[in-house]
Amino acid sequence: MKPVVEALTEQVNAALEQNDYQWALELSDQVKWLDGGNRKRAREVKIGALRGLAEREYNAPNRNYYLCYAKELESGALSEVWF
């Protein structure tokens, strides 16, 4: 049986490959809180997933939310709690 971190990381990568951004976003939050989780990779996935969701969004305020959140994560403006 694979360790939980490896299994979740594989699921995150699979979700991104399938453009299932909402699921990748959910899983990245789970990975970041696990002991041994790759927090840097989880942050990158979260940023990519937010940008992917923004591309699909027609509602301007929602699109703005996704893009602003991704930008804040990239800039490091958010504390580790929010990431």
Protein backbone atom coordinates (compact mmCIF):
# COMPACT_ATOMS: atom_id res chain seq x y z
CA MET A 1 0.00 0.00 0.00
CA LYS A 2 1.29 3.45 -0.93
CA PRO A 3 1.79 6.13 1.68
CA VAL A 4 -1.02 8.65 1.84
CA VAL A 5 1.17 11.53 0.67
CA GLU A 6 2.24 9.68 -2.48
CA ALA A 7 -1.29 8.58 -3.26
CA LEU A 8 -2.70 12.09 -2.87
CA THR A 9 0.12 13.59 -4.92
CA GLU A 10 -0.63 11.15 -7.74
CA GLN A 11 -4.32 12.07 -7.55
CA VAL A 12 -3.46 15.77 -7.70
CA ASN A 13 -1.29 15.25 -10.78
CA ALA A 14 -4.00 13.15 -12.43
CA ALA A 15 -6.62 15.82 -11.73
CA LEU A 16 -4.42 18.48 -13.35
CA GLU A 17 -3.79 16.31 -16.39
CA GLN A 18 -7.55 15.86 -16.79
CA ASN A 19 -8.15 19.60 -16.29
CA ASP A 20 -10.24 18.83 -13.21
CA TYR A 21 -9.16 22.03 -11.50
CA GLN A 22 -11.72 22.01 -8.72
CA TRP A 23 -10.61 18.56 -7.57
CA ALA A 24 -6.92 19.49 -7.86
CA LEU A 25 -7.60 22.55 -5.73
CA GLU A 26 -9.34 20.45 -3.08
CA LEU A 27 -6.56 17.85 -3.00
CA SER A 28 -3.79 20.46 -2.84
CA ASP A 29 -5.27 21.68 0.44
CA GLN A 30 -5.18 18.14 1.79
CA VAL A 31 -1.57 17.57 0.71
CA LYS A 32 -0.30 20.75 2.34
CA TRP A 33 -1.46 19.66 5.80
CA LEU A 34 0.02 16.15 5.69
CA ASP A 35 3.32 15.42 7.37
CA GLY A 36 5.82 14.94 4.57
CA GLY A 37 3.61 16.71 2.04
CA ASN A 38 5.35 18.80 -0.59
CA ARG A 39 4.03 22.24 0.37
CA LYS A 40 5.80 23.97 -2.52
CA ARG A 41 4.23 21.60 -5.06
CA ALA A 42 0.85 21.97 -3.36
CA ARG A 43 1.12 25.76 -3.68
CA GLU A 44 2.05 25.47 -7.38
CA VAL A 45 -0.89 23.15 -7.99
CA LYS A 46 -3.23 25.51 -6.18
CA ILE A 47 -2.06 28.45 -8.28
CA GLY A 48 -2.43 26.47 -11.51
CA ALA A 49 -5.86 25.20 -10.51
CA LEU A 50 -7.07 28.69 -9.65
CA ARG A 51 -5.86 30.00 -13.01
CA GLY A 52 -7.54 27.07 -14.77
CA LEU A 53 -10.82 27.78 -13.00
CA ALA A 54 -10.51 31.46 -13.94
CA GLU A 55 -10.12 30.54 -17.62
CA ARG A 56 -13.45 28.70 -17.56
CA GLU A 57 -15.34 31.28 -15.53
CA TYR A 58 -17.76 33.63 -17.29
CA ASN A 59 -18.82 35.50 -14.18
CA ALA A 60 -16.46 38.47 -13.84
CA PRO A 61 -16.39 38.68 -10.01
CA ASN A 62 -15.71 34.94 -9.71
CA ARG A 63 -12.98 35.12 -12.33
CA ASN A 64 -11.43 38.07 -10.51
CA TYR A 65 -11.50 36.13 -7.23
CA TYR A 66 -9.66 33.16 -8.73
CA LEU A 67 -7.03 35.35 -10.39
CA CYS A 68 -6.47 37.54 -7.32
CA TYR A 69 -6.14 34.53 -5.05
CA ALA A 70 -3.59 32.98 -7.43
CA LYS A 71 -1.65 36.25 -7.59
CA GLU A 72 -1.59 36.54 -3.80
CA LEU A 73 -0.29 32.99 -3.49
CA GLU A 74 2.45 33.71 -6.04
CA SER A 75 3.50 36.92 -4.33
CA GLY A 76 3.67 35.34 -0.89
CA ALA A 77 1.22 37.91 0.48
CA LEU A 78 -0.84 35.20 2.16
CA SER A 79 0.29 33.56 5.36
CA GLU A 80 0.91 29.84 5.52
CA VAL A 81 -2.48 29.37 7.19
CA TRP A 82 -4.35 30.62 4.09
CA PHE A 83 -2.15 28.72 1.77
